């Protein structure tokens, strides 16, 4: 994205000082309202997706969920 911004301002009498990414705030209390027994019933990928959604106001991308699944699979193999 930086390259696109720099291309857009090229030749103009401005200087790029900072690029900051912000996401719309979602109800971050979504998981805070859950009790420990309710959270214990959720799978790790569901918890991860809910936290991602609360921060970025969108579901986690499939490639990120796949990386999480691979990480969990490898962690399970290490315990054996």
PDB file of N, CA and C in Angstrom:
ATOM      1  N   UNK A   1       0.827  -1.184   0.000  1.00  0.00           N
ATOM      2  CA  UNK A   1       0.000   0.000   0.000  1.00  0.00           C
ATOM      3  C   UNK A   1       0.879   1.258   0.000  1.00  0.00           C
ATOM      4  N   UNK A   2       2.033   1.165   0.661  1.00  0.00           N
ATOM      5  CA  UNK A   2       2.925   2.314   0.707  1.00  0.00           C
ATOM      6  C   UNK A   2       3.316   2.758  -0.707  1.00  0.00           C
ATOM      7  N   UNK A   3       3.613   1.792  -1.577  1.00  0.00           N
ATOM      8  CA  UNK A   3       4.015   2.116  -2.949  1.00  0.00           C
ATOM      9  C   UNK A   3       2.895   2.839  -3.685  1.00  0.00           C
ATOM     10  N   UNK A   4       1.662   2.437  -3.457  1.00  0.00           N
ATOM     11  CA  UNK A   4       0.526   3.093  -4.105  1.00  0.00           C
ATOM     12  C   UNK A   4       0.387   4.534  -3.616  1.00  0.00           C
ATOM     13  N   UNK A   5       0.566   4.733  -2.339  1.00  0.00           N
ATOM     14  CA  UNK A   5       0.458   6.082  -1.773  1.00  0.00           C
ATOM     15  C   UNK A   5       1.580   6.959  -2.308  1.00  0.00           C
ATOM     16  N   UNK A   6       2.801   6.411  -2.318  1.00  0.00           N
ATOM     17  CA  UNK A   6       3.933   7.187  -2.819  1.00  0.00           C
ATOM     18  C   UNK A   6       3.764   7.527  -4.295  1.00  0.00           C
ATOM     19  N   UNK A   7       3.217   6.602  -5.067  1.00  0.00           N
ATOM     20  CA  UNK A   7       2.971   6.872  -6.490  1.00  0.00           C
ATOM     21  C   UNK A   7       1.920   7.963  -6.655  1.00  0.00           C
ATOM     22  N   UNK A   8       0.917   7.968  -5.797  1.00  0.00           N
ATOM     23  CA  UNK A   8      -0.156   8.957  -5.891  1.00  0.00           C
ATOM     24  C   UNK A   8       0.331  10.363  -5.561  1.00  0.00           C
ATOM     25  N   UNK A   9       1.317  10.469  -4.684  1.00  0.00           N
ATOM     26  CA  UNK A   9       1.787  11.815  -4.294  1.00  0.00           C
ATOM     27  C   UNK A   9       3.052  12.231  -5.037  1.00  0.00           C
ATOM     28  N   UNK A  10       3.572  11.362  -5.909  1.00  0.00           N
ATOM     29  CA  UNK A  10       4.784  11.682  -6.657  1.00  0.00           C
ATOM     30  C   UNK A  10       4.580  12.944  -7.497  1.00  0.00           C
ATOM     31  N   UNK A  11       5.530  13.853  -7.389  1.00  0.00           N
ATOM     32  CA  UNK A  11       5.471  15.092  -8.153  1.00  0.00           C
ATOM     33  C   UNK A  11       4.603  16.168  -7.516  1.00  0.00           C
ATOM     34  N   UNK A  12       3.986  15.855  -6.409  1.00  0.00           N
ATOM     35  CA  UNK A  12       3.141  16.837  -5.716  1.00  0.00           C
ATOM     36  C   UNK A  12       3.938  17.454  -4.567  1.00  0.00           C
ATOM     37  N   UNK A  13       3.593  18.666  -4.188  1.00  0.00           N
ATOM     38  CA  UNK A  13       4.357  19.338  -3.132  1.00  0.00           C
ATOM     39  C   UNK A  13       3.946  18.861  -1.723  1.00  0.00           C
ATOM     40  N   UNK A  14       4.000  17.546  -1.520  1.00  0.00           N
ATOM     41  CA  UNK A  14       3.686  16.975  -0.203  1.00  0.00           C
ATOM     42  C   UNK A  14       4.745  15.947   0.151  1.00  0.00           C
ATOM     43  N   UNK A  15       4.795  15.630   1.430  1.00  0.00           N
ATOM     44  CA  UNK A  15       5.736  14.631   1.916  1.00  0.00           C
ATOM     45  C   UNK A  15       4.965  13.639   2.775  1.00  0.00           C
ATOM     46  N   UNK A  16       5.199  12.362   2.536  1.00  0.00           N
ATOM     47  CA  UNK A  16       4.549  11.321   3.313  1.00  0.00           C
ATOM     48  C   UNK A  16       5.238  11.219   4.667  1.00  0.00           C
ATOM     49  N   UNK A  17       4.471  11.450   5.733  1.00  0.00           N
ATOM     50  CA  UNK A  17       5.046  11.410   7.063  1.00  0.00           C
ATOM     51  C   UNK A  17       4.808  10.061   7.743  1.00  0.00           C
ATOM     52  N   UNK A  18       3.633   9.497   7.554  1.00  0.00           N
ATOM     53  CA  UNK A  18       3.317   8.273   8.277  1.00  0.00           C
ATOM     54  C   UNK A  18       2.119   7.576   7.632  1.00  0.00           C
ATOM     55  N   UNK A  19       2.160   6.260   7.645  1.00  0.00           N
ATOM     56  CA  UNK A  19       1.013   5.452   7.234  1.00  0.00           C
ATOM     57  C   UNK A  19       0.599   4.656   8.455  1.00  0.00           C
ATOM     58  N   UNK A  20      -0.642   4.787   8.819  1.00  0.00           N
ATOM     59  CA  UNK A  20      -1.144   4.098  10.002  1.00  0.00           C
ATOM     60  C   UNK A  20      -2.422   3.340   9.635  1.00  0.00           C
ATOM     61  N   UNK A  21      -2.468   2.087  10.001  1.00  0.00           N
ATOM     62  CA  UNK A  21      -3.642   1.268   9.726  1.00  0.00           C
ATOM     63  C   UNK A  21      -4.506   1.203  10.974  1.00  0.00           C
ATOM     64  N   UNK A  22      -5.772   1.457  10.795  1.00  0.00           N
ATOM     65  CA  UNK A  22      -6.728   1.356  11.901  1.00  0.00           C
ATOM     66  C   UNK A  22      -7.929   0.565  11.418  1.00  0.00           C
ATOM     67  N   UNK A  23      -8.500  -0.169  12.336  1.00  0.00           N
ATOM     68  CA  UNK A  23      -9.670  -0.968  12.017  1.00  0.00           C
ATOM     69  C   UNK A  23     -10.833  -0.499  12.863  1.00  0.00           C
ATOM     70  N   UNK A  24     -12.020  -0.598  12.310  1.00  0.00           N
ATOM     71  CA  UNK A  24     -13.215  -0.197  13.038  1.00  0.00           C
ATOM     72  C   UNK A  24     -13.339  -1.055  14.298  1.00  0.00           C
ATOM     73  N   UNK A  25     -13.630  -0.433  15.399  1.00  0.00           N
ATOM     74  CA  UNK A  25     -13.776  -1.158  16.662  1.00  0.00           C
ATOM     75  C   UNK A  25     -15.045  -1.985  16.631  1.00  0.00           C
ATOM     76  N   UNK A  26     -14.899  -3.211  17.000  1.00  0.00           N
ATOM     77  CA  UNK A  26     -16.030  -4.129  17.090  1.00  0.00           C
ATOM     78  C   UNK A  26     -16.296  -4.326  18.575  1.00  0.00           C
ATOM     79  N   UNK A  27     -17.377  -4.956  18.889  1.00  0.00           N
ATOM     80  CA  UNK A  27     -17.703  -5.220  20.286  1.00  0.00           C
ATOM     81  C   UNK A  27     -16.646  -6.139  20.870  1.00  0.00           C
ATOM     82  N   UNK A  28     -15.633  -5.570  21.519  1.00  0.00           N
ATOM     83  CA  UNK A  28     -14.536  -6.354  22.061  1.00  0.00           C
ATOM     84  C   UNK A  28     -14.938  -7.114  23.312  1.00  0.00           C
ATOM     85  N   UNK A  29     -16.116  -6.863  23.813  1.00  0.00           N
ATOM     86  CA  UNK A  29     -16.579  -7.567  25.004  1.00  0.00           C
ATOM     87  C   UNK A  29     -17.208  -8.901  24.654  1.00  0.00           C
ATOM     88  N   UNK A  30     -17.194  -9.272  23.378  1.00  0.00           N
ATOM     89  CA  UNK A  30     -17.845 -10.509  22.946  1.00  0.00           C
ATOM     90  C   UNK A  30     -17.339 -11.711  23.732  1.00  0.00           C
ATOM     91  N   UNK A  31     -16.024 -11.857  23.861  1.00  0.00           N
ATOM     92  CA  UNK A  31     -15.488 -12.989  24.609  1.00  0.00           C
ATOM     93  C   UNK A  31     -15.457 -12.717  26.110  1.00  0.00           C
ATOM     94  N   UNK A  32     -15.410 -11.469  26.497  1.00  0.00           N
ATOM     95  CA  UNK A  32     -15.367 -11.142  27.918  1.00  0.00           C
ATOM     96  C   UNK A  32     -16.649 -11.551  28.626  1.00  0.00           C
ATOM     97  N   UNK A  33     -17.749 -11.616  27.886  1.00  0.00           N
ATOM     98  CA  UNK A  33     -19.021 -11.999  28.477  1.00  0.00           C
ATOM     99  C   UNK A  33     -19.145 -13.506  28.665  1.00  0.00           C
ATOM    100  N   UNK A  34     -18.252 -14.263  28.053  1.00  0.00           N
ATOM    101  CA  UNK A  34     -18.307 -15.719  28.154  1.00  0.00           C
ATOM    102  C   UNK A  34     -17.758 -16.162  29.508  1.00  0.00           C
ATOM    103  N   UNK A  35     -18.339 -17.214  30.042  1.00  0.00           N
ATOM    104  CA  UNK A  35     -17.817 -17.800  31.278  1.00  0.00           C
ATOM    105  C   UNK A  35     -16.755 -18.818  30.899  1.00  0.00           C
ATOM    106  N   UNK A  36     -15.916 -19.194  31.836  1.00  0.00           N
ATOM    107  CA  UNK A  36     -14.864 -20.160  31.546  1.00  0.00           C
ATOM    108  C   UNK A  36     -15.425 -21.490  31.040  1.00  0.00           C
ATOM    109  N   UNK A  37     -16.486 -22.035  31.643  1.00  0.00           N
ATOM    110  CA  UNK A  37     -17.023 -23.286  31.085  1.00  0.00           C
ATOM    111  C   UNK A  37     -17.513 -23.134  29.644  1.00  0.00           C
ATOM    112  N   UNK A  38     -18.090 -21.973  29.302  1.00  0.00           N
ATOM    113  CA  UNK A  38     -18.545 -21.762  27.930  1.00  0.00           C
ATOM    114  C   UNK A  38     -17.349 -21.685  26.980  1.00  0.00           C
ATOM    115  N   UNK A  39     -16.288 -21.015  27.405  1.00  0.00           N
ATOM    116  CA  UNK A  39     -15.096 -20.924  26.569  1.00  0.00           C
ATOM    117  C   UNK A  39     -14.430 -22.285  26.424  1.00  0.00           C
ATOM    118  N   UNK A  40     -14.477 -23.096  27.479  1.00  0.00           N
ATOM    119  CA  UNK A  40     -13.866 -24.422  27.429  1.00  0.00           C
ATOM    120  C   UNK A  40     -14.543 -25.304  26.387  1.00  0.00           C
ATOM    121  N   UNK A  41     -15.787 -25.042  26.066  1.00  0.00           N
ATOM    122  CA  UNK A  41     -16.505 -25.838  25.075  1.00  0.00           C
ATOM    123  C   UNK A  41     -16.146 -25.432  23.649  1.00  0.00           C
ATOM    124  N   UNK A  42     -15.549 -24.265  23.473  1.00  0.00           N
ATOM    125  CA  UNK A  42     -15.178 -23.804  22.134  1.00  0.00           C
ATOM    126  C   UNK A  42     -13.860 -24.430  21.698  1.00  0.00           C
ATOM    127  N   UNK A  43     -13.739 -24.659  20.405  1.00  0.00           N
ATOM    128  CA  UNK A  43     -12.493 -25.144  19.837  1.00  0.00           C
ATOM    129  C   UNK A  43     -11.525 -23.958  19.692  1.00  0.00           C
ATOM    130  N   UNK A  44     -10.210 -24.215  19.752  1.00  0.00           N
ATOM    131  CA  UNK A  44      -9.232 -23.119  19.633  1.00  0.00           C
ATOM    132  C   UNK A  44      -9.412 -22.269  18.379  1.00  0.00           C
ATOM    133  N   UNK A  45      -9.774 -22.903  17.253  1.00  0.00           N
ATOM    134  CA  UNK A  45      -9.936 -22.112  16.026  1.00  0.00           C
ATOM    135  C   UNK A  45     -11.142 -21.182  16.119  1.00  0.00           C
ATOM    136  N   UNK A  46     -12.183 -21.602  16.839  1.00  0.00           N
ATOM    137  CA  UNK A  46     -13.358 -20.744  17.021  1.00  0.00           C
ATOM    138  C   UNK A  46     -13.011 -19.553  17.909  1.00  0.00           C
ATOM    139  N   UNK A  47     -12.236 -19.804  18.947  1.00  0.00           N
ATOM    140  CA  UNK A  47     -11.804 -18.713  19.829  1.00  0.00           C
ATOM    141  C   UNK A  47     -10.938 -17.730  19.049  1.00  0.00           C
ATOM    142  N   UNK A  48      -9.985 -18.264  18.266  1.00  0.00           N
ATOM    143  CA  UNK A  48      -9.110 -17.409  17.464  1.00  0.00           C
ATOM    144  C   UNK A  48      -9.925 -16.552  16.499  1.00  0.00           C
ATOM    145  N   UNK A  49     -10.891 -17.173  15.805  1.00  0.00           N
ATOM    146  CA  UNK A  49     -11.689 -16.429  14.834  1.00  0.00           C
ATOM    147  C   UNK A  49     -12.518 -15.349  15.513  1.00  0.00           C
ATOM    148  N   UNK A  50     -13.059 -15.639  16.696  1.00  0.00           N
ATOM    149  CA  UNK A  50     -13.844 -14.632  17.419  1.00  0.00           C
ATOM    150  C   UNK A  50     -12.967 -13.463  17.848  1.00  0.00           C
ATOM    151  N   UNK A  51     -11.757 -13.750  18.302  1.00  0.00           N
ATOM    152  CA  UNK A  51     -10.838 -12.667  18.678  1.00  0.00           C
ATOM    153  C   UNK A  51     -10.432 -11.848  17.450  1.00  0.00           C
ATOM    154  N   UNK A  52     -10.143 -12.535  16.338  1.00  0.00           N
ATOM    155  CA  UNK A  52      -9.794 -11.834  15.100  1.00  0.00           C
ATOM    156  C   UNK A  52     -10.939 -10.927  14.666  1.00  0.00           C
ATOM    157  N   UNK A  53     -12.150 -11.475  14.690  1.00  0.00           N
ATOM    158  CA  UNK A  53     -13.336 -10.712  14.287  1.00  0.00           C
ATOM    159  C   UNK A  53     -13.533  -9.486  15.182  1.00  0.00           C
ATOM    160  N   UNK A  54     -13.262  -9.640  16.486  1.00  0.00           N
ATOM    161  CA  UNK A  54     -13.449  -8.509  17.394  1.00  0.00           C
ATOM    162  C   UNK A  54     -12.432  -7.397  17.133  1.00  0.00           C
ATOM    163  N   UNK A  55     -11.253  -7.783  16.639  1.00  0.00           N
ATOM    164  CA  UNK A  55     -10.232  -6.764  16.376  1.00  0.00           C
ATOM    165  C   UNK A  55     -10.347  -6.161  14.981  1.00  0.00           C
ATOM    166  N   UNK A  56     -10.645  -6.982  13.966  1.00  0.00           N
ATOM    167  CA  UNK A  56     -10.610  -6.515  12.587  1.00  0.00           C
ATOM    168  C   UNK A  56     -11.978  -6.421  11.916  1.00  0.00           C
ATOM    169  N   UNK A  57     -13.036  -6.728  12.631  1.00  0.00           N
ATOM    170  CA  UNK A  57     -14.412  -6.641  12.123  1.00  0.00           C
ATOM    171  C   UNK A  57     -14.623  -7.499  10.877  1.00  0.00           C
ATOM    172  N   UNK A  58     -13.928  -8.618  10.819  1.00  0.00           N
ATOM    173  CA  UNK A  58     -14.073  -9.569   9.712  1.00  0.00           C
ATOM    174  C   UNK A  58     -13.580 -10.923  10.180  1.00  0.00           C
ATOM    175  N   UNK A  59     -14.045 -11.967   9.522  1.00  0.00           N
ATOM    176  CA  UNK A  59     -13.542 -13.294   9.853  1.00  0.00           C
ATOM    177  C   UNK A  59     -12.081 -13.408   9.453  1.00  0.00           C
ATOM    178  N   UNK A  60     -11.352 -14.260  10.160  1.00  0.00           N
ATOM    179  CA  UNK A  60      -9.948 -14.494   9.826  1.00  0.00           C
ATOM    180  C   UNK A  60      -9.860 -15.086   8.422  1.00  0.00           C
ATOM    181  N   UNK A  61      -8.881 -14.663   7.635  1.00  0.00           N
ATOM    182  CA  UNK A  61      -8.729 -15.186   6.273  1.00  0.00           C
ATOM    183  C   UNK A  61      -8.460 -16.695   6.298  1.00  0.00           C
ATOM    184  N   UNK A  62      -8.910 -17.413   5.270  1.00  0.00           N
ATOM    185  CA  UNK A  62      -8.722 -18.868   5.232  1.00  0.00           C
ATOM    186  C   UNK A  62      -7.264 -19.300   5.379  1.00  0.00           C
ATOM    187  N   UNK A  63      -6.342 -18.538   4.773  1.00  0.00           N
ATOM    188  CA  UNK A  63      -4.931 -18.931   4.881  1.00  0.00           C
ATOM    189  C   UNK A  63      -4.414 -18.784   6.318  1.00  0.00           C
ATOM    190  N   UNK A  64      -4.942 -17.835   7.063  1.00  0.00           N
ATOM    191  CA  UNK A  64      -4.560 -17.679   8.463  1.00  0.00           C
ATOM    192  C   UNK A  64      -5.147 -18.808   9.310  1.00  0.00           C
ATOM    193  N   UNK A  65      -6.389 -19.187   9.011  1.00  0.00           N
ATOM    194  CA  UNK A  65      -7.011 -20.305   9.719  1.00  0.00           C
ATOM    195  C   UNK A  65      -6.276 -21.610   9.398  1.00  0.00           C
ATOM    196  N   UNK A  66      -5.820 -21.768   8.160  1.00  0.00           N
ATOM    197  CA  UNK A  66      -5.061 -22.962   7.779  1.00  0.00           C
ATOM    198  C   UNK A  66      -3.729 -23.009   8.519  1.00  0.00           C
ATOM    199  N   UNK A  67      -3.075 -21.855   8.653  1.00  0.00           N
ATOM    200  CA  UNK A  67      -1.814 -21.800   9.400  1.00  0.00           C
ATOM    201  C   UNK A  67      -2.043 -22.156  10.865  1.00  0.00           C
ATOM    202  N   UNK A  68      -3.144 -21.691  11.436  1.00  0.00           N
ATOM    203  CA  UNK A  68      -3.475 -22.031  12.821  1.00  0.00           C
ATOM    204  C   UNK A  68      -3.714 -23.536  12.949  1.00  0.00           C
ATOM    205  N   UNK A  69      -4.438 -24.123  12.004  1.00  0.00           N
ATOM    206  CA  UNK A  69      -4.703 -25.568  12.029  1.00  0.00           C
ATOM    207  C   UNK A  69      -3.399 -26.356  11.948  1.00  0.00           C
ATOM    208  N   UNK A  70      -2.487 -25.913  11.085  1.00  0.00           N
ATOM    209  CA  UNK A  70      -1.190 -26.575  10.956  1.00  0.00           C
ATOM    210  C   UNK A  70      -0.398 -26.455  12.254  1.00  0.00           C
ATOM    211  N   UNK A  71      -0.427 -25.288  12.856  1.00  0.00           N
ATOM    212  CA  UNK A  71       0.266 -25.077  14.119  1.00  0.00           C
ATOM    213  C   UNK A  71      -0.295 -25.987  15.219  1.00  0.00           C
ATOM    214  N   UNK A  72      -1.615 -26.079  15.280  1.00  0.00           N
ATOM    215  CA  UNK A  72      -2.238 -26.927  16.294  1.00  0.00           C
ATOM    216  C   UNK A  72      -1.928 -28.397  16.036  1.00  0.00           C
ATOM    217  N   UNK A  73      -1.899 -28.805  14.765  1.00  0.00           N
ATOM    218  CA  UNK A  73      -1.568 -30.177  14.419  1.00  0.00           C
ATOM    219  C   UNK A  73      -0.135 -30.508  14.813  1.00  0.00           C
ATOM    220  N   UNK A  74       0.787 -29.605  14.525  1.00  0.00           N
ATOM    221  CA  UNK A  74       2.186 -29.808  14.888  1.00  0.00           C
ATOM    222  C   UNK A  74       2.378 -29.804  16.400  1.00  0.00           C
ATOM    223  N   UNK A  75       1.642 -28.968  17.099  1.00  0.00           N
ATOM    224  CA  UNK A  75       1.738 -28.931  18.563  1.00  0.00           C
ATOM    225  C   UNK A  75       1.250 -30.250  19.145  1.00  0.00           C
ATOM    226  N   UNK A  76       0.196 -30.819  18.553  1.00  0.00           N
ATOM    227  CA  UNK A  76      -0.323 -32.103  19.011  1.00  0.00           C
ATOM    228  C   UNK A  76       0.678 -33.224  18.758  1.00  0.00           C
ATOM    229  N   UNK A  77       1.396 -33.149  17.656  1.00  0.00           N
ATOM    230  CA  UNK A  77       2.396 -34.171  17.324  1.00  0.00           C
ATOM    231  C   UNK A  77       3.573 -34.097  18.277  1.00  0.00           C
ATOM    232  N   UNK A  78       3.938 -32.895  18.725  1.00  0.00           N
ATOM    233  CA  UNK A  78       5.049 -32.716  19.653  1.00  0.00           C
ATOM    234  C   UNK A  78       4.742 -33.283  21.024  1.00  0.00           C
ATOM    235  N   UNK A  79       3.457 -33.347  21.387  1.00  0.00           N
ATOM    236  CA  UNK A  79       3.072 -33.844  22.712  1.00  0.00           C
ATOM    237  C   UNK A  79       3.161 -35.357  22.785  1.00  0.00           C
ATOM    238  N   UNK A  80       3.188 -36.034  21.639  1.00  0.00           N
ATOM    239  CA  UNK A  80       3.202 -37.506  21.637  1.00  0.00           C
ATOM    240  C   UNK A  80       4.561 -38.061  21.905  1.00  0.00           C
TER     241      UNK A  80
END
